[in-house]
N, C-alpha and C. Protein backbone atom coordinates (compact mmCIF):
# COMPACT_ATOMS: atom_id res chain seq x y z
N MET A 1 81.96 26.45 17.68
CA MET A 1 81.24 25.28 18.19
C MET A 1 79.76 25.57 18.32
N ARG A 2 79.47 26.78 18.85
CA ARG A 2 78.07 27.17 19.02
C ARG A 2 77.39 27.27 17.66
N ASN A 3 78.12 27.81 16.67
CA ASN A 3 77.54 27.92 15.33
C ASN A 3 77.24 26.54 14.74
N LEU A 4 78.14 25.62 15.00
CA LEU A 4 77.93 24.26 14.50
C LEU A 4 76.71 23.63 15.15
N PHE A 5 76.53 23.90 16.42
CA PHE A 5 75.36 23.36 17.14
C PHE A 5 74.07 23.91 16.56
N HIS A 6 74.07 25.26 16.34
CA HIS A 6 72.86 25.88 15.77
C HIS A 6 72.59 25.37 14.36
N HIS A 7 73.66 25.17 13.61
CA HIS A 7 73.49 24.68 12.24
C HIS A 7 72.89 23.26 12.25
N GLY A 8 73.38 22.43 13.17
CA GLY A 8 72.85 21.07 13.28
C GLY A 8 71.39 21.07 13.71
N LYS A 9 71.06 22.00 14.60
CA LYS A 9 69.68 22.10 15.08
C LYS A 9 68.75 22.50 13.95
N GLU A 10 69.23 23.45 13.12
CA GLU A 10 68.41 23.89 11.99
C GLU A 10 68.20 22.77 10.99
N LEU A 11 69.27 21.98 10.76
CA LEU A 11 69.13 20.84 9.85
C LEU A 11 68.12 19.83 10.38
N CYS A 12 68.17 19.61 11.66
CA CYS A 12 67.24 18.65 12.29
C CYS A 12 65.80 19.12 12.16
N LEU A 13 65.58 20.43 12.43
CA LEU A 13 64.22 20.97 12.31
C LEU A 13 63.73 20.90 10.87
N ASP A 14 64.65 21.19 9.95
CA ASP A 14 64.28 21.16 8.53
C ASP A 14 63.88 19.74 8.11
N MET A 15 64.64 18.75 8.60
CA MET A 15 64.31 17.36 8.27
C MET A 15 62.97 16.96 8.87
N MET A 16 62.72 17.43 10.09
CA MET A 16 61.45 17.09 10.74
C MET A 16 60.27 17.68 9.96
N LYS A 17 60.47 18.92 9.45
CA LYS A 17 59.42 19.54 8.66
C LYS A 17 59.15 18.75 7.38
N LYS A 18 60.26 18.31 6.74
CA LYS A 18 60.10 17.54 5.50
C LYS A 18 59.40 16.21 5.76
N VAL A 19 59.81 15.56 6.87
CA VAL A 19 59.17 14.30 7.24
C VAL A 19 57.69 14.52 7.52
N GLY A 20 57.38 15.64 8.20
CA GLY A 20 55.98 15.95 8.49
C GLY A 20 55.17 16.14 7.22
N ARG A 21 55.79 16.86 6.25
CA ARG A 21 55.08 17.07 4.98
C ARG A 21 54.84 15.74 4.27
N LEU A 22 55.88 14.87 4.31
CA LEU A 22 55.73 13.56 3.67
C LEU A 22 54.62 12.74 4.33
N LEU A 23 54.54 12.81 5.66
CA LEU A 23 53.49 12.07 6.37
C LEU A 23 52.10 12.59 6.01
N VAL A 24 51.98 13.93 5.93
CA VAL A 24 50.69 14.52 5.55
C VAL A 24 50.31 14.10 4.14
N LEU A 25 51.31 14.13 3.22
CA LEU A 25 51.07 13.73 1.84
C LEU A 25 50.66 12.27 1.75
N ALA A 26 51.34 11.42 2.53
CA ALA A 26 51.02 9.99 2.53
C ALA A 26 49.60 9.75 3.05
N ALA A 27 49.23 10.49 4.09
CA ALA A 27 47.88 10.35 4.64
C ALA A 27 46.83 10.77 3.62
N ALA A 28 47.12 11.86 2.89
CA ALA A 28 46.18 12.34 1.88
C ALA A 28 46.02 11.33 0.76
N VAL A 29 47.16 10.75 0.32
CA VAL A 29 47.10 9.73 -0.74
C VAL A 29 46.33 8.51 -0.27
N GLY A 30 46.53 8.11 0.98
CA GLY A 30 45.81 6.96 1.53
C GLY A 30 44.32 7.21 1.58
N ALA A 31 43.93 8.41 2.01
CA ALA A 31 42.51 8.75 2.08
C ALA A 31 41.88 8.74 0.69
N LEU A 32 42.62 9.28 -0.30
CA LEU A 32 42.12 9.29 -1.67
C LEU A 32 41.94 7.87 -2.20
N ALA A 33 42.89 7.00 -1.86
CA ALA A 33 42.80 5.60 -2.30
C ALA A 33 41.57 4.93 -1.72
N VAL A 34 41.26 5.22 -0.46
CA VAL A 34 40.07 4.64 0.18
C VAL A 34 38.81 5.10 -0.52
N VAL A 35 38.75 6.40 -0.86
CA VAL A 35 37.57 6.94 -1.55
C VAL A 35 37.39 6.29 -2.91
N VAL A 36 38.50 6.19 -3.67
CA VAL A 36 38.43 5.58 -5.00
C VAL A 36 37.99 4.13 -4.90
N TRP A 37 38.53 3.40 -3.94
CA TRP A 37 38.14 1.99 -3.75
C TRP A 37 36.66 1.87 -3.43
N GLY A 38 36.19 2.79 -2.60
CA GLY A 38 34.77 2.75 -2.26
C GLY A 38 33.88 3.03 -3.45
N LEU A 39 34.34 3.89 -4.37
CA LEU A 39 33.53 4.22 -5.53
C LEU A 39 33.49 3.10 -6.55
N TYR A 40 34.58 2.39 -6.72
CA TYR A 40 34.68 1.43 -7.81
C TYR A 40 34.62 -0.03 -7.39
N SER A 41 34.63 -0.30 -6.11
CA SER A 41 34.54 -1.69 -5.67
C SER A 41 33.09 -2.04 -5.39
N PRO A 42 32.67 -3.32 -5.58
CA PRO A 42 31.29 -3.72 -5.32
C PRO A 42 30.96 -3.62 -3.84
N THR A 43 29.71 -3.21 -3.58
CA THR A 43 29.27 -3.06 -2.20
C THR A 43 28.74 -4.38 -1.68
N LYS A 44 29.16 -4.78 -0.52
CA LYS A 44 28.68 -6.01 0.09
C LYS A 44 28.22 -5.70 1.50
N THR A 45 27.15 -6.34 1.89
CA THR A 45 26.63 -6.18 3.24
C THR A 45 27.03 -7.37 4.07
N ALA A 46 27.62 -7.13 5.20
CA ALA A 46 28.08 -8.23 6.05
C ALA A 46 26.92 -9.12 6.43
N GLY A 47 27.12 -10.42 6.29
CA GLY A 47 26.10 -11.38 6.69
C GLY A 47 25.03 -11.63 5.65
N THR A 48 25.09 -10.97 4.47
CA THR A 48 24.08 -11.16 3.44
C THR A 48 24.46 -12.33 2.56
N VAL A 49 23.53 -13.27 2.38
CA VAL A 49 23.76 -14.42 1.52
C VAL A 49 22.78 -14.34 0.36
N VAL A 50 23.29 -14.29 -0.86
CA VAL A 50 22.44 -14.22 -2.04
C VAL A 50 22.07 -15.64 -2.44
N SER A 51 20.76 -15.90 -2.54
CA SER A 51 20.30 -17.24 -2.89
C SER A 51 19.22 -17.13 -3.94
N PRO A 52 18.98 -18.19 -4.73
CA PRO A 52 17.92 -18.16 -5.74
C PRO A 52 16.56 -17.93 -5.09
N ALA A 53 15.62 -17.35 -5.87
CA ALA A 53 14.27 -17.11 -5.35
C ALA A 53 13.62 -18.44 -4.99
N ALA A 54 12.94 -18.45 -3.86
CA ALA A 54 12.28 -19.67 -3.40
C ALA A 54 11.11 -20.00 -4.34
N PRO A 55 10.88 -21.28 -4.62
CA PRO A 55 9.75 -21.64 -5.49
C PRO A 55 8.43 -21.27 -4.83
N ARG A 56 7.45 -20.91 -5.65
CA ARG A 56 6.14 -20.54 -5.12
C ARG A 56 5.42 -21.78 -4.59
N MET A 57 4.64 -21.57 -3.54
CA MET A 57 3.89 -22.67 -2.94
C MET A 57 2.60 -22.91 -3.70
N VAL A 58 2.17 -24.17 -3.70
CA VAL A 58 0.85 -24.51 -4.23
C VAL A 58 -0.17 -24.18 -3.15
N GLY A 59 -1.21 -23.43 -3.51
CA GLY A 59 -2.20 -23.05 -2.51
C GLY A 59 -3.33 -22.27 -3.14
N LEU A 60 -4.16 -21.69 -2.29
CA LEU A 60 -5.36 -21.00 -2.75
C LEU A 60 -5.31 -19.50 -2.50
N GLN A 61 -4.13 -18.98 -2.18
CA GLN A 61 -3.98 -17.55 -1.97
C GLN A 61 -3.44 -16.90 -3.24
N VAL A 62 -3.74 -15.62 -3.40
CA VAL A 62 -3.16 -14.88 -4.52
C VAL A 62 -1.64 -14.93 -4.41
N GLY A 63 -0.98 -15.31 -5.50
CA GLY A 63 0.47 -15.48 -5.50
C GLY A 63 0.90 -16.93 -5.40
N ASN A 64 -0.03 -17.82 -5.03
CA ASN A 64 0.26 -19.25 -4.99
C ASN A 64 0.09 -19.87 -6.38
N VAL A 65 0.72 -21.03 -6.57
CA VAL A 65 0.47 -21.82 -7.77
C VAL A 65 -0.86 -22.53 -7.58
N ALA A 66 -1.74 -22.44 -8.58
CA ALA A 66 -3.06 -23.06 -8.48
C ALA A 66 -2.93 -24.58 -8.41
N PRO A 67 -3.64 -25.23 -7.48
CA PRO A 67 -3.58 -26.69 -7.38
C PRO A 67 -4.06 -27.36 -8.67
N ASN A 68 -3.36 -28.41 -9.07
CA ASN A 68 -3.74 -29.11 -10.30
C ASN A 68 -4.90 -30.07 -10.04
N PHE A 69 -5.64 -30.37 -11.10
CA PHE A 69 -6.73 -31.34 -11.03
C PHE A 69 -7.04 -31.81 -12.44
N THR A 70 -7.78 -32.91 -12.53
CA THR A 70 -8.26 -33.42 -13.81
C THR A 70 -9.75 -33.66 -13.70
N LEU A 71 -10.51 -33.17 -14.69
CA LEU A 71 -11.96 -33.32 -14.70
C LEU A 71 -12.43 -33.85 -16.05
N MET A 72 -13.62 -34.45 -16.03
CA MET A 72 -14.25 -34.91 -17.26
C MET A 72 -15.18 -33.82 -17.77
N ALA A 73 -15.06 -33.48 -19.06
CA ALA A 73 -15.92 -32.46 -19.65
C ALA A 73 -17.19 -33.11 -20.21
N THR A 74 -18.16 -32.27 -20.53
CA THR A 74 -19.43 -32.77 -21.05
C THR A 74 -19.27 -33.43 -22.42
N ASP A 75 -18.17 -33.13 -23.12
CA ASP A 75 -17.94 -33.77 -24.42
C ASP A 75 -17.17 -35.08 -24.29
N GLY A 76 -16.94 -35.52 -23.04
CA GLY A 76 -16.27 -36.79 -22.81
C GLY A 76 -14.77 -36.70 -22.69
N LYS A 77 -14.20 -35.53 -22.89
CA LYS A 77 -12.75 -35.36 -22.81
C LYS A 77 -12.33 -35.04 -21.38
N ARG A 78 -11.17 -35.58 -21.02
CA ARG A 78 -10.61 -35.27 -19.70
C ARG A 78 -9.75 -34.01 -19.82
N MET A 79 -9.90 -33.11 -18.87
CA MET A 79 -9.18 -31.84 -18.91
C MET A 79 -8.38 -31.67 -17.62
N ALA A 80 -7.08 -31.43 -17.75
CA ALA A 80 -6.21 -31.20 -16.60
C ALA A 80 -5.77 -29.74 -16.61
N LEU A 81 -5.79 -29.13 -15.45
CA LEU A 81 -5.38 -27.73 -15.36
C LEU A 81 -3.93 -27.57 -15.80
N SER A 82 -3.09 -28.54 -15.46
CA SER A 82 -1.67 -28.44 -15.81
C SER A 82 -1.43 -28.43 -17.32
N ASN A 83 -2.37 -29.02 -18.08
CA ASN A 83 -2.22 -29.04 -19.54
C ASN A 83 -2.42 -27.67 -20.16
N LEU A 84 -2.97 -26.74 -19.38
CA LEU A 84 -3.22 -25.39 -19.88
C LEU A 84 -2.10 -24.43 -19.50
N ARG A 85 -1.05 -24.95 -18.86
CA ARG A 85 0.08 -24.11 -18.46
C ARG A 85 0.68 -23.43 -19.69
N GLY A 86 0.98 -22.16 -19.56
CA GLY A 86 1.45 -21.38 -20.70
C GLY A 86 0.37 -20.48 -21.26
N GLN A 87 -0.88 -20.69 -20.80
CA GLN A 87 -2.00 -19.84 -21.21
C GLN A 87 -2.59 -19.17 -19.98
N PRO A 88 -3.07 -17.93 -20.11
CA PRO A 88 -3.86 -17.36 -19.01
C PRO A 88 -5.15 -18.18 -18.88
N ILE A 89 -5.63 -18.34 -17.67
CA ILE A 89 -6.80 -19.20 -17.43
C ILE A 89 -7.81 -18.47 -16.55
N VAL A 90 -9.08 -18.59 -16.93
CA VAL A 90 -10.17 -18.21 -16.03
C VAL A 90 -10.86 -19.50 -15.61
N LEU A 91 -10.79 -19.78 -14.33
CA LEU A 91 -11.43 -20.97 -13.75
C LEU A 91 -12.72 -20.51 -13.09
N LEU A 92 -13.85 -20.91 -13.67
CA LEU A 92 -15.16 -20.41 -13.24
C LEU A 92 -16.00 -21.54 -12.66
N PHE A 93 -16.27 -21.46 -11.36
CA PHE A 93 -17.15 -22.42 -10.69
C PHE A 93 -18.58 -21.88 -10.73
N SER A 94 -19.51 -22.73 -11.18
CA SER A 94 -20.90 -22.29 -11.28
C SER A 94 -21.82 -23.51 -11.17
N SER A 95 -23.12 -23.24 -11.22
CA SER A 95 -24.13 -24.31 -11.28
C SER A 95 -25.36 -23.75 -11.98
N THR A 96 -26.11 -24.63 -12.63
CA THR A 96 -27.25 -24.17 -13.42
C THR A 96 -28.38 -23.62 -12.56
N GLY A 97 -28.45 -24.05 -11.30
CA GLY A 97 -29.52 -23.58 -10.43
C GLY A 97 -29.24 -22.22 -9.81
N CYS A 98 -28.11 -21.63 -10.12
CA CYS A 98 -27.70 -20.34 -9.55
C CYS A 98 -27.94 -19.25 -10.59
N VAL A 99 -28.86 -18.32 -10.30
CA VAL A 99 -29.20 -17.26 -11.25
C VAL A 99 -27.99 -16.36 -11.53
N ASN A 100 -27.28 -15.98 -10.49
CA ASN A 100 -26.10 -15.13 -10.69
C ASN A 100 -25.04 -15.84 -11.53
N CYS A 101 -24.98 -17.16 -11.40
CA CYS A 101 -24.02 -17.93 -12.20
C CYS A 101 -24.34 -17.81 -13.69
N GLN A 102 -25.62 -17.82 -14.03
CA GLN A 102 -26.01 -17.72 -15.44
C GLN A 102 -25.51 -16.42 -16.04
N PHE A 103 -25.68 -15.32 -15.31
CA PHE A 103 -25.19 -14.03 -15.79
C PHE A 103 -23.66 -14.03 -15.89
N GLN A 104 -23.01 -14.63 -14.88
CA GLN A 104 -21.55 -14.63 -14.88
C GLN A 104 -20.98 -15.46 -16.02
N VAL A 105 -21.58 -16.62 -16.26
CA VAL A 105 -21.12 -17.47 -17.35
C VAL A 105 -21.31 -16.77 -18.70
N THR A 106 -22.46 -16.11 -18.87
CA THR A 106 -22.74 -15.40 -20.12
C THR A 106 -21.74 -14.26 -20.33
N ASP A 107 -21.50 -13.46 -19.29
CA ASP A 107 -20.55 -12.34 -19.40
C ASP A 107 -19.14 -12.84 -19.67
N THR A 108 -18.76 -13.93 -19.01
CA THR A 108 -17.42 -14.48 -19.21
C THR A 108 -17.25 -15.01 -20.62
N GLN A 109 -18.30 -15.63 -21.14
CA GLN A 109 -18.25 -16.12 -22.52
C GLN A 109 -18.09 -14.97 -23.51
N LYS A 110 -18.75 -13.83 -23.25
CA LYS A 110 -18.62 -12.67 -24.14
C LYS A 110 -17.20 -12.11 -24.12
N VAL A 111 -16.62 -12.01 -22.92
CA VAL A 111 -15.24 -11.51 -22.81
C VAL A 111 -14.28 -12.49 -23.47
N TYR A 112 -14.55 -13.78 -23.31
CA TYR A 112 -13.73 -14.82 -23.94
C TYR A 112 -13.71 -14.63 -25.46
N ALA A 113 -14.89 -14.42 -26.05
CA ALA A 113 -14.99 -14.24 -27.50
C ALA A 113 -14.28 -12.96 -27.94
N ALA A 114 -14.44 -11.89 -27.16
CA ALA A 114 -13.80 -10.61 -27.50
C ALA A 114 -12.28 -10.71 -27.44
N GLN A 115 -11.77 -11.42 -26.45
CA GLN A 115 -10.32 -11.58 -26.33
C GLN A 115 -9.77 -12.44 -27.47
N GLN A 116 -10.54 -13.43 -27.88
CA GLN A 116 -10.12 -14.25 -29.02
C GLN A 116 -10.03 -13.39 -30.27
N ALA A 117 -11.03 -12.54 -30.48
CA ALA A 117 -11.04 -11.67 -31.66
C ALA A 117 -9.90 -10.67 -31.64
N ALA A 118 -9.49 -10.26 -30.44
CA ALA A 118 -8.40 -9.28 -30.29
C ALA A 118 -7.03 -9.95 -30.26
N HIS A 119 -6.99 -11.26 -30.48
CA HIS A 119 -5.74 -12.04 -30.46
C HIS A 119 -5.05 -11.96 -29.10
N LYS A 120 -5.85 -11.88 -28.04
CA LYS A 120 -5.35 -11.92 -26.67
C LYS A 120 -6.13 -12.99 -25.91
N PRO A 121 -6.03 -14.24 -26.35
CA PRO A 121 -6.90 -15.28 -25.81
C PRO A 121 -6.52 -15.73 -24.41
N PHE A 122 -7.47 -16.37 -23.76
CA PHE A 122 -7.22 -17.05 -22.50
C PHE A 122 -8.02 -18.35 -22.52
N ALA A 123 -7.63 -19.28 -21.68
CA ALA A 123 -8.36 -20.54 -21.57
C ALA A 123 -9.48 -20.36 -20.56
N LEU A 124 -10.67 -20.76 -20.95
CA LEU A 124 -11.83 -20.66 -20.06
C LEU A 124 -12.24 -22.07 -19.64
N LEU A 125 -12.17 -22.32 -18.34
CA LEU A 125 -12.52 -23.63 -17.81
C LEU A 125 -13.68 -23.46 -16.84
N ALA A 126 -14.87 -23.83 -17.31
CA ALA A 126 -16.07 -23.73 -16.48
C ALA A 126 -16.28 -25.04 -15.74
N VAL A 127 -16.50 -24.95 -14.45
CA VAL A 127 -16.66 -26.13 -13.61
C VAL A 127 -18.04 -26.08 -12.96
N ASP A 128 -18.89 -27.05 -13.30
CA ASP A 128 -20.21 -27.13 -12.69
C ASP A 128 -20.10 -27.96 -11.41
N THR A 129 -20.58 -27.40 -10.32
CA THR A 129 -20.38 -28.04 -9.01
C THR A 129 -21.51 -28.97 -8.60
N GLN A 130 -22.61 -29.04 -9.40
CA GLN A 130 -23.77 -29.80 -8.95
C GLN A 130 -24.37 -30.73 -9.99
N ASP A 131 -24.42 -30.31 -11.24
CA ASP A 131 -25.28 -30.97 -12.22
C ASP A 131 -24.60 -32.13 -12.94
N THR A 132 -25.42 -32.93 -13.62
CA THR A 132 -24.93 -34.07 -14.39
C THR A 132 -24.64 -33.64 -15.82
N ALA A 133 -23.89 -34.48 -16.53
CA ALA A 133 -23.52 -34.16 -17.90
C ALA A 133 -24.75 -34.07 -18.80
N SER A 134 -25.69 -35.00 -18.63
CA SER A 134 -26.88 -35.01 -19.49
C SER A 134 -27.72 -33.75 -19.29
N TYR A 135 -27.82 -33.29 -18.04
CA TYR A 135 -28.61 -32.09 -17.78
C TYR A 135 -27.92 -30.85 -18.36
N ILE A 136 -26.63 -30.76 -18.18
CA ILE A 136 -25.89 -29.59 -18.69
C ILE A 136 -25.97 -29.53 -20.22
N MET A 137 -25.85 -30.68 -20.88
CA MET A 137 -25.88 -30.71 -22.34
C MET A 137 -27.25 -30.30 -22.87
N THR A 138 -28.28 -30.47 -22.06
CA THR A 138 -29.61 -30.02 -22.45
C THR A 138 -29.81 -28.55 -22.09
N TYR A 139 -29.28 -28.17 -20.93
CA TYR A 139 -29.50 -26.82 -20.40
C TYR A 139 -28.73 -25.75 -21.17
N HIS A 140 -27.48 -25.96 -21.44
CA HIS A 140 -26.66 -24.92 -22.04
C HIS A 140 -27.09 -24.50 -23.43
N PRO A 141 -27.42 -25.42 -24.33
CA PRO A 141 -27.90 -24.97 -25.65
C PRO A 141 -29.15 -24.10 -25.56
N SER A 142 -30.00 -24.38 -24.59
CA SER A 142 -31.24 -23.61 -24.46
C SER A 142 -30.99 -22.19 -23.96
N THR A 143 -29.83 -21.97 -23.33
CA THR A 143 -29.50 -20.64 -22.82
C THR A 143 -28.52 -19.90 -23.71
N GLY A 144 -28.07 -20.56 -24.78
CA GLY A 144 -27.13 -19.92 -25.70
C GLY A 144 -25.69 -19.96 -25.23
N ILE A 145 -25.40 -20.72 -24.18
CA ILE A 145 -24.03 -20.84 -23.67
C ILE A 145 -23.32 -21.96 -24.43
N ALA A 146 -22.17 -21.64 -25.00
CA ALA A 146 -21.50 -22.60 -25.88
C ALA A 146 -20.09 -22.94 -25.42
N ILE A 147 -19.79 -22.76 -24.15
CA ILE A 147 -18.44 -23.07 -23.67
C ILE A 147 -18.42 -24.48 -23.09
N PRO A 148 -17.28 -25.17 -23.19
CA PRO A 148 -17.18 -26.51 -22.59
C PRO A 148 -17.28 -26.43 -21.07
N VAL A 149 -17.96 -27.38 -20.48
CA VAL A 149 -18.16 -27.40 -19.03
C VAL A 149 -17.62 -28.70 -18.48
N THR A 150 -16.89 -28.62 -17.38
CA THR A 150 -16.40 -29.82 -16.71
C THR A 150 -17.23 -30.08 -15.46
N LEU A 151 -17.18 -31.32 -15.00
CA LEU A 151 -18.06 -31.76 -13.92
C LEU A 151 -17.26 -32.17 -12.69
N THR A 152 -17.71 -31.74 -11.52
CA THR A 152 -16.99 -32.07 -10.29
C THR A 152 -17.34 -33.46 -9.78
N GLN A 153 -18.31 -34.13 -10.42
CA GLN A 153 -18.64 -35.49 -9.97
C GLN A 153 -17.46 -36.45 -10.15
N THR A 154 -16.57 -36.12 -11.10
CA THR A 154 -15.44 -37.01 -11.38
C THR A 154 -14.20 -36.66 -10.57
N SER A 155 -14.26 -35.60 -9.78
CA SER A 155 -13.10 -35.18 -8.99
C SER A 155 -13.57 -34.23 -7.89
N PRO A 156 -12.96 -34.32 -6.69
CA PRO A 156 -13.35 -33.42 -5.59
C PRO A 156 -12.72 -32.03 -5.73
N VAL A 157 -12.75 -31.46 -6.94
CA VAL A 157 -12.07 -30.19 -7.17
C VAL A 157 -12.74 -29.05 -6.42
N GLY A 158 -14.06 -29.16 -6.21
CA GLY A 158 -14.75 -28.14 -5.43
C GLY A 158 -14.22 -28.08 -4.01
N GLU A 159 -13.97 -29.25 -3.43
CA GLU A 159 -13.38 -29.31 -2.09
C GLU A 159 -11.92 -28.84 -2.13
N LEU A 160 -11.22 -29.24 -3.20
CA LEU A 160 -9.82 -28.85 -3.34
C LEU A 160 -9.67 -27.33 -3.33
N TYR A 161 -10.62 -26.65 -4.00
CA TYR A 161 -10.57 -25.19 -4.08
C TYR A 161 -11.45 -24.51 -3.03
N GLN A 162 -12.00 -25.32 -2.11
CA GLN A 162 -12.79 -24.80 -0.99
C GLN A 162 -13.92 -23.89 -1.46
N VAL A 163 -14.63 -24.35 -2.50
CA VAL A 163 -15.76 -23.58 -3.03
C VAL A 163 -16.97 -23.82 -2.14
N ARG A 164 -17.47 -22.74 -1.54
CA ARG A 164 -18.62 -22.84 -0.63
C ARG A 164 -19.90 -22.29 -1.25
N GLY A 165 -19.75 -21.56 -2.33
CA GLY A 165 -20.90 -21.00 -3.04
C GLY A 165 -20.48 -20.64 -4.44
N THR A 166 -21.45 -20.34 -5.28
CA THR A 166 -21.14 -20.00 -6.67
C THR A 166 -21.87 -18.71 -7.05
N PRO A 167 -21.34 -17.96 -8.03
CA PRO A 167 -20.14 -18.25 -8.82
C PRO A 167 -18.85 -17.84 -8.09
N VAL A 168 -17.77 -18.51 -8.47
CA VAL A 168 -16.42 -18.14 -8.02
C VAL A 168 -15.52 -18.13 -9.26
N SER A 169 -14.81 -17.03 -9.45
CA SER A 169 -13.91 -16.90 -10.60
C SER A 169 -12.48 -16.77 -10.10
N ILE A 170 -11.61 -17.62 -10.64
CA ILE A 170 -10.19 -17.60 -10.26
C ILE A 170 -9.38 -17.29 -11.52
N PHE A 171 -8.56 -16.26 -11.43
CA PHE A 171 -7.79 -15.80 -12.58
C PHE A 171 -6.33 -16.22 -12.40
N ILE A 172 -5.83 -16.99 -13.37
CA ILE A 172 -4.52 -17.64 -13.27
C ILE A 172 -3.66 -17.20 -14.45
N ASP A 173 -2.41 -16.84 -14.18
CA ASP A 173 -1.55 -16.36 -15.26
C ASP A 173 -0.87 -17.52 -16.00
N ARG A 174 0.00 -17.18 -16.94
CA ARG A 174 0.62 -18.19 -17.81
C ARG A 174 1.51 -19.18 -17.06
N LYS A 175 1.97 -18.80 -15.89
CA LYS A 175 2.83 -19.69 -15.11
C LYS A 175 2.04 -20.48 -14.07
N GLY A 176 0.72 -20.40 -14.14
CA GLY A 176 -0.10 -21.15 -13.21
C GLY A 176 -0.27 -20.49 -11.86
N ILE A 177 0.04 -19.19 -11.78
CA ILE A 177 -0.03 -18.47 -10.51
C ILE A 177 -1.37 -17.74 -10.39
N ILE A 178 -2.02 -17.90 -9.26
CA ILE A 178 -3.29 -17.22 -9.01
C ILE A 178 -3.04 -15.73 -8.85
N ARG A 179 -3.71 -14.92 -9.67
CA ARG A 179 -3.54 -13.47 -9.61
C ARG A 179 -4.71 -12.77 -8.94
N SER A 180 -5.89 -13.35 -8.99
CA SER A 180 -7.04 -12.77 -8.28
C SER A 180 -8.13 -13.82 -8.15
N ILE A 181 -8.97 -13.64 -7.12
CA ILE A 181 -10.10 -14.53 -6.85
C ILE A 181 -11.31 -13.65 -6.57
N VAL A 182 -12.41 -13.93 -7.25
CA VAL A 182 -13.63 -13.14 -7.04
C VAL A 182 -14.76 -14.10 -6.70
N GLU A 183 -15.36 -13.90 -5.54
CA GLU A 183 -16.52 -14.68 -5.12
C GLU A 183 -17.77 -13.87 -5.39
N GLY A 184 -18.72 -14.46 -6.11
CA GLY A 184 -19.94 -13.74 -6.45
C GLY A 184 -19.87 -13.18 -7.87
N GLU A 185 -20.99 -12.60 -8.30
CA GLU A 185 -21.07 -12.07 -9.66
C GLU A 185 -20.29 -10.77 -9.79
N MET A 186 -19.65 -10.58 -10.94
CA MET A 186 -18.92 -9.35 -11.25
C MET A 186 -19.64 -8.59 -12.35
N ASP A 187 -19.48 -7.28 -12.35
CA ASP A 187 -19.94 -6.51 -13.51
C ASP A 187 -18.93 -6.70 -14.64
N PRO A 188 -19.33 -6.49 -15.89
CA PRO A 188 -18.44 -6.73 -17.03
C PRO A 188 -17.11 -5.97 -16.96
N ALA A 189 -17.13 -4.74 -16.44
CA ALA A 189 -15.89 -3.95 -16.37
C ALA A 189 -14.88 -4.59 -15.42
N THR A 190 -15.36 -5.08 -14.28
CA THR A 190 -14.47 -5.74 -13.32
C THR A 190 -13.92 -7.04 -13.90
N LEU A 191 -14.78 -7.79 -14.56
CA LEU A 191 -14.35 -9.02 -15.21
C LEU A 191 -13.26 -8.74 -16.24
N GLN A 192 -13.48 -7.72 -17.06
CA GLN A 192 -12.50 -7.37 -18.09
C GLN A 192 -11.17 -6.96 -17.47
N ARG A 193 -11.23 -6.24 -16.36
CA ARG A 193 -9.99 -5.80 -15.70
C ARG A 193 -9.16 -6.99 -15.22
N HIS A 194 -9.82 -7.99 -14.65
CA HIS A 194 -9.10 -9.17 -14.18
C HIS A 194 -8.55 -9.99 -15.35
N VAL A 195 -9.31 -10.08 -16.43
CA VAL A 195 -8.84 -10.80 -17.61
C VAL A 195 -7.64 -10.09 -18.23
N THR A 196 -7.71 -8.76 -18.31
CA THR A 196 -6.60 -7.99 -18.86
C THR A 196 -5.33 -8.20 -18.04
N GLU A 197 -5.50 -8.31 -16.73
CA GLU A 197 -4.34 -8.52 -15.86
C GLU A 197 -3.61 -9.81 -16.20
N ILE A 198 -4.34 -10.91 -16.35
CA ILE A 198 -3.66 -12.19 -16.58
C ILE A 198 -3.19 -12.34 -18.02
N THR A 199 -3.81 -11.63 -18.96
CA THR A 199 -3.38 -11.75 -20.36
C THR A 199 -2.19 -10.85 -20.67
N THR A 200 -1.90 -9.90 -19.79
CA THR A 200 -0.76 -9.01 -20.02
C THR A 200 0.30 -9.16 -18.95
N TYR A 201 0.09 -10.05 -17.97
CA TYR A 201 1.01 -10.19 -16.85
C TYR A 201 2.36 -10.70 -17.34
N ALA A 202 3.44 -10.06 -16.84
CA ALA A 202 4.80 -10.51 -17.20
C ALA A 202 5.03 -11.91 -16.65
N THR A 203 5.70 -12.73 -17.42
CA THR A 203 5.96 -14.11 -17.01
C THR A 203 7.21 -14.19 -16.16
N ASN A 204 7.09 -13.76 -14.89
CA ASN A 204 8.23 -13.86 -13.99
C ASN A 204 7.78 -14.39 -12.65
């Protein structure tokens, strides 16, 4: 009887050991499954909502969409900023009575011609903030400036862009986004750097 008792006890202990091994093995398999799931399943952050990028605001800060306007040029044609979408744009505010403006317009015209020759063109929109069409048409040929000029008398674009002095150069990329604003005269190297930025800027 005693031998039978000991034999039963040994069987019980042996079964407990086997069950213990099975539990350890099951735990190991479960842990491995968790690791594999973590490696191959997509990561999600609780509370994160993926939404499309918000549209850019129209404004006068770098990164804003440049406000649209329509102006009359000295050749009688109406020019709208929105019609130039798809091209890099240099929007240059100036006036004939401003000495620094004369240098800036001349330098910008030279860069404009060089970019055209290099097949990296941009649209140049010169905006005179003070003068009349008849005066500009007389003044520009005498100075050798041959770019089309638009007049703010036909639109409050100077107020729209909050121009307080001249020259002011605004560099706009192909999507109509303002990339840089420079108040005052620039040296040619700085001008070229800003032009290069908008002519090579990724369209995103």
